[in-house]
Amino acid sequence: PQVSAVVGIHPNYCSQAAPDDFARIEALVSHPRVVGIGETGLDKYWDFAPIDIQREFFVRHIKLSQECRKPFVVHCRDAEPETLEVLREMAEQGSLNGVMHSFCGSANTRDACLELGMNFSVGGMVTYKKNVELREIISGIPLDRLMLETDCPYLSPIPVRGQRNEPAYVAHTAKCLGDVFGLSPVEIGNITTENARRVFSLSE
C-alpha cells in the first residue's frame, strides 16, 4: 500500500529540538511522500515544554505550511483559546489549510475553526458513551470538512477500547459518525476518504 507522511516537531517535544531540527523538517517537505506539516500546536495538559516555545514552533510550522502549500495538522490539548489566537494571527498572513487533529473541542472552537477554513479529523473518542456532547458538537461540522483517524496506538474506539489501536478499527468510528449524521458507515467512509484526498492531495 502507499504510505504518506506529515513531518513536524510535536509540541510536547519542541523544547528538546536541536537548533537544526526545524531545518530538517523544511528540507523534508519537498519529498513527494510528505503530504503535510505536523503535528504542531499547543498542549497545556502535559508539562513537557514551556508554552512560549510551543507557540514559537506552532507559528513556524504554519508559516512553513503557507509557504509550501501543504496542510498542517494541529494538536490542541487544554489550550483552545491560545490555539485560536495563533490561528487567527496566522490567518492574517495568509489562508489556512489545516486539520484539527483528534478534535474534541467546544462548539465555540468548532465554529471559530470553521470560520478560519479549518478541517476536522475525528477519532475513537467520539464513540465513547459519555461523550454525548462531543457527538452533538461534531454533528455541526459540515461533512466536506470532516475526516476520520485512529491516533494509533491510542484512543481505541468502542467496542475495542482498552486494546492497542490499529487502522482497521477506524470502521467503528465510521459507524458511530454514521449514526450521528444519519448515514451508513460506507457513506461516511467514502465522504471522509474523498475529503482526505482533497486536503492532503492524495492520489487514488
N, C-alpha and C. Protein backbone atom coordinates (compact mmCIF):
# COMPACT_ATOMS: atom_id res chain seq x y z
N PRO A 1 0.83 -1.21 0.00
CA PRO A 1 0.00 0.00 0.00
C PRO A 1 0.86 1.25 0.00
N GLN A 2 0.29 2.33 -0.48
CA GLN A 2 1.01 3.60 -0.46
C GLN A 2 0.90 4.24 0.92
N VAL A 3 2.02 4.70 1.42
CA VAL A 3 2.06 5.36 2.72
C VAL A 3 2.61 6.76 2.55
N SER A 4 1.91 7.73 3.11
CA SER A 4 2.36 9.12 3.08
C SER A 4 2.64 9.59 4.50
N ALA A 5 3.27 10.73 4.62
CA ALA A 5 3.67 11.22 5.95
C ALA A 5 3.41 12.70 6.09
N VAL A 6 3.21 13.13 7.33
CA VAL A 6 3.33 14.54 7.68
C VAL A 6 4.57 14.66 8.57
N VAL A 7 5.26 15.78 8.48
CA VAL A 7 6.52 15.94 9.21
C VAL A 7 6.45 17.20 10.08
N GLY A 8 6.94 17.08 11.29
CA GLY A 8 6.93 18.23 12.18
C GLY A 8 7.53 17.88 13.52
N ILE A 9 7.54 18.85 14.41
CA ILE A 9 8.03 18.67 15.77
C ILE A 9 6.86 18.86 16.72
N HIS A 10 6.45 17.77 17.36
CA HIS A 10 5.29 17.76 18.24
C HIS A 10 5.49 18.77 19.38
N PRO A 11 4.42 19.46 19.78
CA PRO A 11 4.57 20.47 20.84
C PRO A 11 5.15 19.94 22.14
N ASN A 12 4.91 18.67 22.44
CA ASN A 12 5.46 18.12 23.68
C ASN A 12 6.98 17.96 23.64
N TYR A 13 7.55 17.99 22.45
CA TYR A 13 8.99 17.73 22.31
C TYR A 13 9.75 18.91 21.72
N CYS A 14 9.09 20.04 21.50
CA CYS A 14 9.76 21.14 20.82
C CYS A 14 10.89 21.74 21.65
N SER A 15 10.82 21.64 22.98
CA SER A 15 11.91 22.18 23.80
C SER A 15 13.16 21.30 23.73
N GLN A 16 13.00 20.08 23.21
CA GLN A 16 14.13 19.18 23.06
C GLN A 16 14.76 19.28 21.67
N ALA A 17 14.16 20.07 20.79
CA ALA A 17 14.64 20.14 19.41
C ALA A 17 16.02 20.78 19.35
N ALA A 18 16.88 20.18 18.55
CA ALA A 18 18.21 20.74 18.31
C ALA A 18 18.07 21.94 17.37
N PRO A 19 19.06 22.82 17.35
CA PRO A 19 18.96 24.03 16.51
C PRO A 19 18.68 23.77 15.04
N ASP A 20 19.17 22.64 14.52
CA ASP A 20 18.99 22.38 13.09
C ASP A 20 17.82 21.45 12.79
N ASP A 21 17.05 21.06 13.81
CA ASP A 21 15.96 20.11 13.57
C ASP A 21 14.87 20.69 12.68
N PHE A 22 14.52 21.95 12.87
CA PHE A 22 13.46 22.51 12.04
C PHE A 22 13.91 22.65 10.59
N ALA A 23 15.20 22.90 10.40
CA ALA A 23 15.74 22.94 9.03
C ALA A 23 15.58 21.59 8.35
N ARG A 24 15.69 20.53 9.12
CA ARG A 24 15.47 19.18 8.56
C ARG A 24 14.02 19.01 8.14
N ILE A 25 13.10 19.53 8.94
CA ILE A 25 11.68 19.49 8.57
C ILE A 25 11.46 20.27 7.27
N GLU A 26 12.05 21.45 7.19
CA GLU A 26 11.91 22.26 5.97
C GLU A 26 12.44 21.53 4.75
N ALA A 27 13.51 20.76 4.92
CA ALA A 27 14.08 20.01 3.80
C ALA A 27 13.20 18.84 3.40
N LEU A 28 12.52 18.26 4.37
CA LEU A 28 11.69 17.08 4.10
C LEU A 28 10.39 17.41 3.36
N VAL A 29 9.89 18.63 3.49
CA VAL A 29 8.56 18.93 2.96
C VAL A 29 8.49 18.81 1.44
N SER A 30 9.61 18.88 0.77
CA SER A 30 9.59 18.77 -0.69
C SER A 30 9.53 17.32 -1.16
N HIS A 31 9.68 16.37 -0.23
CA HIS A 31 9.62 14.95 -0.62
C HIS A 31 8.20 14.63 -1.10
N PRO A 32 8.07 13.90 -2.20
CA PRO A 32 6.73 13.64 -2.75
C PRO A 32 5.81 12.82 -1.84
N ARG A 33 6.37 12.08 -0.90
CA ARG A 33 5.53 11.30 0.01
C ARG A 33 5.14 12.09 1.26
N VAL A 34 5.69 13.27 1.42
CA VAL A 34 5.31 14.14 2.54
C VAL A 34 4.13 15.00 2.10
N VAL A 35 2.99 14.82 2.75
CA VAL A 35 1.76 15.48 2.31
C VAL A 35 1.29 16.57 3.27
N GLY A 36 2.01 16.78 4.37
CA GLY A 36 1.58 17.80 5.31
C GLY A 36 2.63 18.10 6.36
N ILE A 37 2.31 19.06 7.23
CA ILE A 37 3.19 19.55 8.28
C ILE A 37 2.55 19.26 9.63
N GLY A 38 3.31 18.66 10.55
CA GLY A 38 2.78 18.45 11.88
C GLY A 38 3.13 17.08 12.44
N GLU A 39 2.59 16.76 13.60
CA GLU A 39 1.66 17.56 14.38
C GLU A 39 2.36 18.79 14.95
N THR A 40 1.59 19.85 15.04
CA THR A 40 2.05 21.07 15.68
C THR A 40 0.88 21.62 16.49
N GLY A 41 1.17 22.56 17.37
CA GLY A 41 0.08 23.12 18.16
C GLY A 41 0.50 23.43 19.57
N LEU A 42 -0.47 23.34 20.48
CA LEU A 42 -0.25 23.70 21.89
C LEU A 42 -0.83 22.63 22.80
N ASP A 43 -0.08 22.28 23.84
CA ASP A 43 -0.52 21.27 24.80
C ASP A 43 -0.22 21.77 26.21
N LYS A 44 -1.28 22.11 26.95
CA LYS A 44 -1.13 22.56 28.33
C LYS A 44 -1.48 21.46 29.34
N TYR A 45 -1.83 20.28 28.82
CA TYR A 45 -2.13 19.15 29.71
C TYR A 45 -0.83 18.56 30.26
N TRP A 46 0.12 18.30 29.35
CA TRP A 46 1.43 17.80 29.75
C TRP A 46 2.40 18.97 29.91
N ASP A 47 3.25 18.87 30.91
CA ASP A 47 4.22 19.94 31.17
C ASP A 47 5.59 19.55 30.61
N PHE A 48 5.62 19.29 29.30
CA PHE A 48 6.86 18.85 28.67
C PHE A 48 7.64 20.00 28.04
N ALA A 49 6.96 21.08 27.69
CA ALA A 49 7.63 22.20 27.03
C ALA A 49 6.93 23.50 27.42
N PRO A 50 7.68 24.56 27.68
CA PRO A 50 7.06 25.85 28.00
C PRO A 50 6.14 26.31 26.88
N ILE A 51 5.03 26.92 27.25
CA ILE A 51 4.02 27.30 26.26
C ILE A 51 4.56 28.31 25.25
N ASP A 52 5.50 29.17 25.66
CA ASP A 52 6.03 30.14 24.72
C ASP A 52 6.87 29.48 23.63
N ILE A 53 7.58 28.40 23.99
CA ILE A 53 8.34 27.66 22.99
C ILE A 53 7.39 26.90 22.07
N GLN A 54 6.34 26.30 22.65
CA GLN A 54 5.33 25.63 21.82
C GLN A 54 4.73 26.61 20.82
N ARG A 55 4.43 27.80 21.29
CA ARG A 55 3.81 28.81 20.42
C ARG A 55 4.76 29.20 19.29
N GLU A 56 6.03 29.37 19.60
CA GLU A 56 7.01 29.73 18.57
C GLU A 56 7.06 28.67 17.47
N PHE A 57 7.09 27.40 17.88
CA PHE A 57 7.15 26.32 16.89
C PHE A 57 5.83 26.19 16.13
N PHE A 58 4.72 26.43 16.80
CA PHE A 58 3.42 26.40 16.14
C PHE A 58 3.39 27.41 15.00
N VAL A 59 3.81 28.62 15.27
CA VAL A 59 3.85 29.67 14.25
C VAL A 59 4.78 29.27 13.10
N ARG A 60 5.94 28.72 13.43
CA ARG A 60 6.89 28.33 12.39
C ARG A 60 6.32 27.24 11.49
N HIS A 61 5.62 26.29 12.08
CA HIS A 61 5.00 25.22 11.28
C HIS A 61 3.93 25.79 10.34
N ILE A 62 3.10 26.69 10.85
CA ILE A 62 2.04 27.26 10.00
C ILE A 62 2.65 28.08 8.87
N LYS A 63 3.68 28.85 9.18
CA LYS A 63 4.36 29.61 8.12
C LYS A 63 4.90 28.68 7.05
N LEU A 64 5.48 27.56 7.47
CA LEU A 64 6.01 26.59 6.51
C LEU A 64 4.87 26.02 5.66
N SER A 65 3.74 25.73 6.29
CA SER A 65 2.57 25.25 5.56
C SER A 65 2.13 26.26 4.50
N GLN A 66 2.10 27.51 4.87
CA GLN A 66 1.69 28.56 3.93
C GLN A 66 2.68 28.70 2.79
N GLU A 67 3.96 28.52 3.08
CA GLU A 67 4.99 28.65 2.05
C GLU A 67 5.00 27.47 1.08
N CYS A 68 4.86 26.26 1.62
CA CYS A 68 4.97 25.08 0.76
C CYS A 68 3.61 24.61 0.24
N ARG A 69 2.54 25.25 0.71
CA ARG A 69 1.18 24.92 0.27
C ARG A 69 0.80 23.46 0.56
N LYS A 70 1.22 23.02 1.73
CA LYS A 70 0.79 21.71 2.23
C LYS A 70 0.10 21.92 3.58
N PRO A 71 -0.92 21.13 3.89
CA PRO A 71 -1.71 21.38 5.10
C PRO A 71 -0.92 21.10 6.38
N PHE A 72 -1.34 21.76 7.46
CA PHE A 72 -0.74 21.50 8.77
C PHE A 72 -1.75 20.81 9.67
N VAL A 73 -1.26 19.98 10.58
CA VAL A 73 -2.09 19.18 11.47
C VAL A 73 -1.92 19.69 12.89
N VAL A 74 -3.03 20.07 13.53
CA VAL A 74 -3.00 20.75 14.82
C VAL A 74 -3.29 19.80 15.97
N HIS A 75 -2.37 19.76 16.92
CA HIS A 75 -2.57 19.10 18.21
C HIS A 75 -2.94 20.18 19.22
N CYS A 76 -4.13 20.07 19.80
CA CYS A 76 -4.59 21.06 20.78
C CYS A 76 -5.14 20.32 21.99
N ARG A 77 -4.49 20.52 23.13
CA ARG A 77 -4.97 19.87 24.35
C ARG A 77 -4.96 20.88 25.49
N ASP A 78 -6.14 21.12 26.04
CA ASP A 78 -6.32 22.09 27.13
C ASP A 78 -5.76 23.46 26.77
N ALA A 79 -5.87 23.83 25.50
CA ALA A 79 -5.29 25.11 25.06
C ALA A 79 -6.09 25.71 23.91
N GLU A 80 -7.41 25.59 23.97
CA GLU A 80 -8.23 26.07 22.86
C GLU A 80 -8.13 27.59 22.65
N PRO A 81 -8.25 28.41 23.70
CA PRO A 81 -8.16 29.87 23.45
C PRO A 81 -6.82 30.27 22.85
N GLU A 82 -5.74 29.71 23.37
CA GLU A 82 -4.41 30.05 22.87
C GLU A 82 -4.21 29.56 21.44
N THR A 83 -4.74 28.38 21.14
CA THR A 83 -4.62 27.84 19.78
C THR A 83 -5.38 28.72 18.79
N LEU A 84 -6.58 29.13 19.16
CA LEU A 84 -7.37 30.00 18.28
C LEU A 84 -6.68 31.35 18.08
N GLU A 85 -6.04 31.85 19.12
CA GLU A 85 -5.32 33.12 19.00
C GLU A 85 -4.23 33.02 17.93
N VAL A 86 -3.46 31.94 17.96
CA VAL A 86 -2.40 31.75 16.96
C VAL A 86 -3.00 31.59 15.57
N LEU A 87 -4.04 30.78 15.45
CA LEU A 87 -4.66 30.56 14.14
C LEU A 87 -5.18 31.87 13.55
N ARG A 88 -5.80 32.68 14.38
CA ARG A 88 -6.33 33.96 13.88
C ARG A 88 -5.19 34.88 13.45
N GLU A 89 -4.12 34.92 14.22
CA GLU A 89 -2.97 35.75 13.84
C GLU A 89 -2.38 35.29 12.51
N MET A 90 -2.24 33.99 12.34
CA MET A 90 -1.63 33.46 11.12
C MET A 90 -2.56 33.59 9.92
N ALA A 91 -3.87 33.59 10.17
CA ALA A 91 -4.82 33.77 9.07
C ALA A 91 -4.70 35.16 8.46
N GLU A 92 -4.20 36.11 9.24
CA GLU A 92 -3.99 37.46 8.72
C GLU A 92 -2.80 37.53 7.77
N GLN A 93 -1.94 36.52 7.83
CA GLN A 93 -0.75 36.49 6.99
C GLN A 93 -0.94 35.64 5.73
N GLY A 94 -2.01 34.88 5.69
CA GLY A 94 -2.28 34.04 4.53
C GLY A 94 -3.36 33.03 4.88
N SER A 95 -3.95 32.42 3.87
CA SER A 95 -5.03 31.46 4.12
C SER A 95 -4.50 30.25 4.88
N LEU A 96 -5.37 29.65 5.67
CA LEU A 96 -5.02 28.47 6.45
C LEU A 96 -5.55 27.22 5.77
N ASN A 97 -4.70 26.21 5.67
CA ASN A 97 -5.11 24.90 5.20
C ASN A 97 -4.67 23.92 6.27
N GLY A 98 -5.55 23.71 7.25
CA GLY A 98 -5.17 22.90 8.39
C GLY A 98 -6.23 21.92 8.82
N VAL A 99 -5.82 21.00 9.69
CA VAL A 99 -6.70 19.95 10.20
C VAL A 99 -6.61 19.95 11.72
N MET A 100 -7.75 20.05 12.39
CA MET A 100 -7.80 19.91 13.85
C MET A 100 -7.81 18.42 14.17
N HIS A 101 -6.64 17.93 14.55
CA HIS A 101 -6.41 16.51 14.78
C HIS A 101 -7.14 16.01 16.03
N SER A 102 -7.78 14.84 15.91
CA SER A 102 -8.47 14.20 17.03
C SER A 102 -9.36 15.22 17.75
N PHE A 103 -10.20 15.89 16.98
CA PHE A 103 -10.94 17.02 17.51
C PHE A 103 -11.90 16.60 18.61
N CYS A 104 -11.81 17.29 19.74
CA CYS A 104 -12.75 17.08 20.85
C CYS A 104 -13.02 18.40 21.55
N GLY A 105 -13.02 19.49 20.77
CA GLY A 105 -13.16 20.82 21.33
C GLY A 105 -14.60 21.24 21.54
N SER A 106 -14.75 22.47 21.98
CA SER A 106 -16.07 23.03 22.27
C SER A 106 -16.77 23.46 20.99
N ALA A 107 -18.05 23.78 21.12
CA ALA A 107 -18.81 24.30 19.98
C ALA A 107 -18.24 25.63 19.52
N ASN A 108 -17.81 26.45 20.47
CA ASN A 108 -17.22 27.74 20.10
C ASN A 108 -15.93 27.55 19.30
N THR A 109 -15.10 26.60 19.72
CA THR A 109 -13.87 26.32 18.98
C THR A 109 -14.19 25.77 17.60
N ARG A 110 -15.17 24.88 17.54
CA ARG A 110 -15.61 24.37 16.23
C ARG A 110 -15.99 25.50 15.30
N ASP A 111 -16.83 26.40 15.78
CA ASP A 111 -17.32 27.49 14.93
C ASP A 111 -16.19 28.42 14.51
N ALA A 112 -15.28 28.71 15.44
CA ALA A 112 -14.15 29.59 15.11
C ALA A 112 -13.26 28.94 14.06
N CYS A 113 -13.02 27.65 14.20
CA CYS A 113 -12.17 26.94 13.23
C CYS A 113 -12.85 26.86 11.87
N LEU A 114 -14.15 26.66 11.85
CA LEU A 114 -14.87 26.65 10.58
C LEU A 114 -14.74 28.00 9.88
N GLU A 115 -14.86 29.06 10.64
CA GLU A 115 -14.75 30.40 10.07
C GLU A 115 -13.35 30.65 9.50
N LEU A 116 -12.35 30.02 10.09
CA LEU A 116 -10.97 30.17 9.63
C LEU A 116 -10.63 29.24 8.47
N GLY A 117 -11.58 28.39 8.09
CA GLY A 117 -11.35 27.48 6.97
C GLY A 117 -10.70 26.17 7.33
N MET A 118 -10.67 25.85 8.62
CA MET A 118 -10.02 24.62 9.07
C MET A 118 -10.89 23.40 8.82
N ASN A 119 -10.22 22.25 8.75
CA ASN A 119 -10.88 20.95 8.65
C ASN A 119 -10.76 20.23 9.99
N PHE A 120 -11.47 19.12 10.12
CA PHE A 120 -11.52 18.40 11.39
C PHE A 120 -11.31 16.91 11.15
N SER A 121 -10.52 16.30 12.03
CA SER A 121 -10.34 14.85 11.99
C SER A 121 -10.83 14.28 13.32
N VAL A 122 -11.60 13.21 13.23
CA VAL A 122 -12.27 12.66 14.41
C VAL A 122 -11.81 11.23 14.64
N GLY A 123 -11.49 10.93 15.90
CA GLY A 123 -11.02 9.60 16.26
C GLY A 123 -11.95 8.87 17.20
N GLY A 124 -11.40 7.88 17.89
CA GLY A 124 -12.19 6.96 18.69
C GLY A 124 -12.95 7.57 19.84
N MET A 125 -12.52 8.73 20.32
CA MET A 125 -13.22 9.34 21.48
C MET A 125 -14.68 9.63 21.20
N VAL A 126 -15.02 9.85 19.94
CA VAL A 126 -16.42 10.16 19.61
C VAL A 126 -17.33 8.98 19.90
N THR A 127 -16.77 7.77 19.97
CA THR A 127 -17.59 6.58 20.20
C THR A 127 -17.88 6.32 21.67
N TYR A 128 -17.18 7.00 22.58
CA TYR A 128 -17.33 6.70 24.00
C TYR A 128 -18.70 7.15 24.50
N LYS A 129 -19.34 6.29 25.27
CA LYS A 129 -20.72 6.51 25.69
C LYS A 129 -20.93 7.86 26.35
N LYS A 130 -19.97 8.28 27.18
CA LYS A 130 -20.13 9.52 27.94
C LYS A 130 -20.02 10.77 27.07
N ASN A 131 -19.48 10.65 25.86
CA ASN A 131 -19.19 11.82 25.04
C ASN A 131 -20.38 12.25 24.18
N VAL A 132 -21.53 12.37 24.81
CA VAL A 132 -22.75 12.78 24.11
C VAL A 132 -22.59 14.20 23.56
N GLU A 133 -22.02 15.09 24.36
CA GLU A 133 -21.86 16.48 23.91
C GLU A 133 -20.90 16.56 22.73
N LEU A 134 -19.83 15.76 22.75
CA LEU A 134 -18.89 15.76 21.63
C LEU A 134 -19.57 15.34 20.34
N ARG A 135 -20.42 14.32 20.41
CA ARG A 135 -21.14 13.89 19.21
C ARG A 135 -22.06 15.00 18.70
N GLU A 136 -22.67 15.73 19.62
CA GLU A 136 -23.53 16.84 19.23
C GLU A 136 -22.71 17.94 18.56
N ILE A 137 -21.55 18.24 19.10
CA ILE A 137 -20.68 19.26 18.52
C ILE A 137 -20.22 18.85 17.13
N ILE A 138 -19.84 17.60 16.99
CA ILE A 138 -19.35 17.12 15.69
C ILE A 138 -20.47 17.10 14.66
N SER A 139 -21.70 16.91 15.10
CA SER A 139 -22.83 16.93 14.16
C SER A 139 -22.98 18.28 13.48
N GLY A 140 -22.37 19.32 14.06
CA GLY A 140 -22.43 20.65 13.46
C GLY A 140 -21.29 20.95 12.50
N ILE A 141 -20.45 19.97 12.23
CA ILE A 141 -19.36 20.15 11.26
C ILE A 141 -19.86 19.75 9.88
N PRO A 142 -19.75 20.61 8.88
CA PRO A 142 -20.15 20.22 7.52
C PRO A 142 -19.38 18.98 7.08
N LEU A 143 -20.06 18.08 6.39
CA LEU A 143 -19.43 16.82 6.00
C LEU A 143 -18.21 17.01 5.12
N ASP A 144 -18.15 18.11 4.36
CA ASP A 144 -16.99 18.30 3.49
C ASP A 144 -15.77 18.82 4.24
N ARG A 145 -15.89 19.00 5.56
CA ARG A 145 -14.76 19.42 6.39
C ARG A 145 -14.30 18.31 7.35
N LEU A 146 -14.83 17.12 7.17
CA LEU A 146 -14.66 16.06 8.17
C LEU A 146 -13.82 14.90 7.64
N MET A 147 -12.91 14.41 8.48
CA MET A 147 -12.12 13.22 8.17
C MET A 147 -12.10 12.28 9.36
N LEU A 148 -11.72 11.03 9.12
CA LEU A 148 -11.57 10.03 10.17
C LEU A 148 -10.10 9.80 10.46
N GLU A 149 -9.80 9.38 11.69
CA GLU A 149 -8.44 9.00 12.05
C GLU A 149 -8.49 7.97 13.16
N THR A 150 -7.34 7.37 13.44
CA THR A 150 -7.26 6.40 14.54
C THR A 150 -6.47 6.93 15.72
N ASP A 151 -5.45 7.74 15.49
CA ASP A 151 -4.48 8.15 16.51
C ASP A 151 -3.80 6.93 17.12
N CYS A 152 -3.54 5.93 16.29
CA CYS A 152 -2.85 4.72 16.77
C CYS A 152 -1.53 5.10 17.45
N PRO A 153 -1.17 4.39 18.51
CA PRO A 153 -1.85 3.22 19.09
C PRO A 153 -2.83 3.58 20.21
N TYR A 154 -3.24 4.86 20.25
CA TYR A 154 -4.07 5.35 21.36
C TYR A 154 -5.54 5.45 20.96
N LEU A 155 -6.38 5.70 21.97
CA LEU A 155 -7.79 6.08 21.79
C LEU A 155 -8.58 5.10 20.93
N SER A 156 -8.45 3.82 21.25
CA SER A 156 -9.22 2.81 20.53
C SER A 156 -10.72 3.05 20.73
N PRO A 157 -11.50 2.90 19.66
CA PRO A 157 -12.94 3.15 19.78
C PRO A 157 -13.68 2.00 20.45
N ILE A 158 -14.88 2.29 20.91
CA ILE A 158 -15.80 1.23 21.31
C ILE A 158 -16.11 0.41 20.05
N PRO A 159 -16.08 -0.92 20.06
CA PRO A 159 -16.05 -1.84 21.20
C PRO A 159 -14.67 -2.41 21.53
N VAL A 160 -13.60 -1.80 21.07
CA VAL A 160 -12.26 -2.33 21.32
C VAL A 160 -11.45 -1.41 22.24
N ARG A 161 -12.14 -0.55 22.96
CA ARG A 161 -11.46 0.36 23.88
C ARG A 161 -10.64 -0.44 24.90
N GLY A 162 -9.43 0.03 25.15
CA GLY A 162 -8.53 -0.68 26.06
C GLY A 162 -7.52 -1.53 25.34
N GLN A 163 -7.81 -1.88 24.09
CA GLN A 163 -6.85 -2.60 23.27
C GLN A 163 -5.93 -1.61 22.55
N ARG A 164 -4.81 -2.12 22.04
CA ARG A 164 -3.93 -1.28 21.23
C ARG A 164 -4.68 -0.92 19.94
N ASN A 165 -4.75 0.35 19.63
CA ASN A 165 -5.49 0.79 18.45
C ASN A 165 -4.75 0.40 17.18
N GLU A 166 -5.48 0.22 16.11
CA GLU A 166 -4.90 -0.09 14.81
C GLU A 166 -5.80 0.46 13.71
N PRO A 167 -5.27 0.63 12.50
CA PRO A 167 -6.04 1.29 11.43
C PRO A 167 -7.40 0.66 11.15
N ALA A 168 -7.50 -0.67 11.25
CA ALA A 168 -8.76 -1.34 10.92
C ALA A 168 -9.90 -0.87 11.81
N TYR A 169 -9.59 -0.40 13.00
CA TYR A 169 -10.63 -0.01 13.95
C TYR A 169 -11.32 1.30 13.57
N VAL A 170 -10.81 1.97 12.55
CA VAL A 170 -11.47 3.20 12.11
C VAL A 170 -12.90 2.91 11.64
N ALA A 171 -13.16 1.66 11.28
CA ALA A 171 -14.52 1.28 10.87
C ALA A 171 -15.53 1.51 11.99
N HIS A 172 -15.12 1.32 13.23
CA HIS A 172 -16.02 1.55 14.36
C HIS A 172 -16.35 3.04 14.50
N THR A 173 -15.36 3.87 14.26
CA THR A 173 -15.60 5.32 14.31
C THR A 173 -16.51 5.74 13.18
N ALA A 174 -16.32 5.15 12.01
CA ALA A 174 -17.19 5.45 10.86
C ALA A 174 -18.64 5.08 11.17
N LYS A 175 -18.84 3.96 11.83
CA LYS A 175 -20.20 3.55 12.19
C LYS A 175 -20.83 4.56 13.14
N CYS A 176 -20.06 5.00 14.13
CA CYS A 176 -20.57 5.99 15.09
C CYS A 176 -20.94 7.29 14.39
N LEU A 177 -20.06 7.77 13.50
CA LEU A 177 -20.37 9.00 12.78
C LEU A 177 -21.55 8.82 11.84
N GLY A 178 -21.71 7.62 11.31
CA GLY A 178 -22.88 7.35 10.50
C GLY A 178 -24.16 7.54 11.30
N ASP A 179 -24.14 7.07 12.55
CA ASP A 179 -25.30 7.27 13.42
C ASP A 179 -25.53 8.76 13.70
N VAL A 180 -24.45 9.51 13.87
CA VAL A 180 -24.55 10.95 14.15
C VAL A 180 -25.18 11.69 12.99
N PHE A 181 -24.77 11.34 11.76
CA PHE A 181 -25.21 12.08 10.57
C PHE A 181 -26.35 11.40 9.81
N GLY A 182 -26.80 10.26 10.29
CA GLY A 182 -27.87 9.56 9.59
C GLY A 182 -27.43 8.96 8.28
N LEU A 183 -26.19 8.48 8.23
CA LEU A 183 -25.63 7.88 7.02
C LEU A 183 -25.08 6.51 7.35
N SER A 184 -24.83 5.71 6.32
CA SER A 184 -24.23 4.40 6.54
C SER A 184 -22.73 4.55 6.78
N PRO A 185 -22.09 3.56 7.41
CA PRO A 185 -20.64 3.61 7.57
C PRO A 185 -19.91 3.72 6.23
N VAL A 186 -20.44 3.07 5.20
CA VAL A 186 -19.81 3.15 3.88
C VAL A 186 -19.88 4.57 3.34
N GLU A 187 -21.03 5.21 3.50
CA GLU A 187 -21.16 6.60 3.03
C GLU A 187 -20.20 7.52 3.77
N ILE A 188 -20.11 7.35 5.10
CA ILE A 188 -19.16 8.15 5.88
C ILE A 188 -17.74 7.89 5.41
N GLY A 189 -17.42 6.62 5.19
CA GLY A 189 -16.08 6.28 4.72
C GLY A 189 -15.75 6.91 3.39
N ASN A 190 -16.70 6.87 2.47
CA ASN A 190 -16.46 7.46 1.14
C ASN A 190 -16.28 8.98 1.23
N ILE A 191 -17.12 9.63 2.01
CA ILE A 191 -17.05 11.09 2.13
C ILE A 191 -15.74 11.52 2.77
N THR A 192 -15.39 10.88 3.89
CA THR A 192 -14.18 11.30 4.61
C THR A 192 -12.91 10.93 3.85
N THR A 193 -12.95 9.84 3.11
CA THR A 193 -11.79 9.48 2.28
C THR A 193 -11.58 10.50 1.18
N GLU A 194 -12.66 10.91 0.54
CA GLU A 194 -12.54 11.93 -0.51
C GLU A 194 -12.04 13.25 0.08
N ASN A 195 -12.50 13.59 1.27
CA ASN A 195 -12.01 14.80 1.92
C ASN A 195 -10.51 14.72 2.19
N ALA A 196 -10.06 13.57 2.68
CA ALA A 196 -8.63 13.39 2.96
C ALA A 196 -7.81 13.49 1.68
N ARG A 197 -8.32 12.92 0.61
CA ARG A 197 -7.62 13.01 -0.67
C ARG A 197 -7.49 14.46 -1.13
N ARG A 198 -8.55 15.22 -0.92
CA ARG A 198 -8.53 16.62 -1.34
C ARG A 198 -7.58 17.45 -0.47
N VAL A 199 -7.72 17.31 0.85
CA VAL A 199 -6.93 18.14 1.76
C VAL A 199 -5.44 17.83 1.64
N PHE A 200 -5.10 16.55 1.55
CA PHE A 200 -3.70 16.15 1.53
C PHE A 200 -3.17 15.87 0.12
N SER A 201 -3.98 16.16 -0.89
CA SER A 201 -3.57 15.95 -2.29
C SER A 201 -3.08 14.52 -2.51
N LEU A 202 -3.87 13.56 -2.04
CA LEU A 202 -3.52 12.15 -2.18
C LEU A 202 -4.01 11.61 -3.51
N SER A 203 -3.24 10.70 -4.07
CA SER A 203 -3.66 10.04 -5.31
C SER A 203 -4.65 8.93 -4.97
N GLU A 204 -5.31 8.42 -5.99
CA GLU A 204 -6.30 7.36 -5.78
C GLU A 204 -5.63 6.10 -5.22
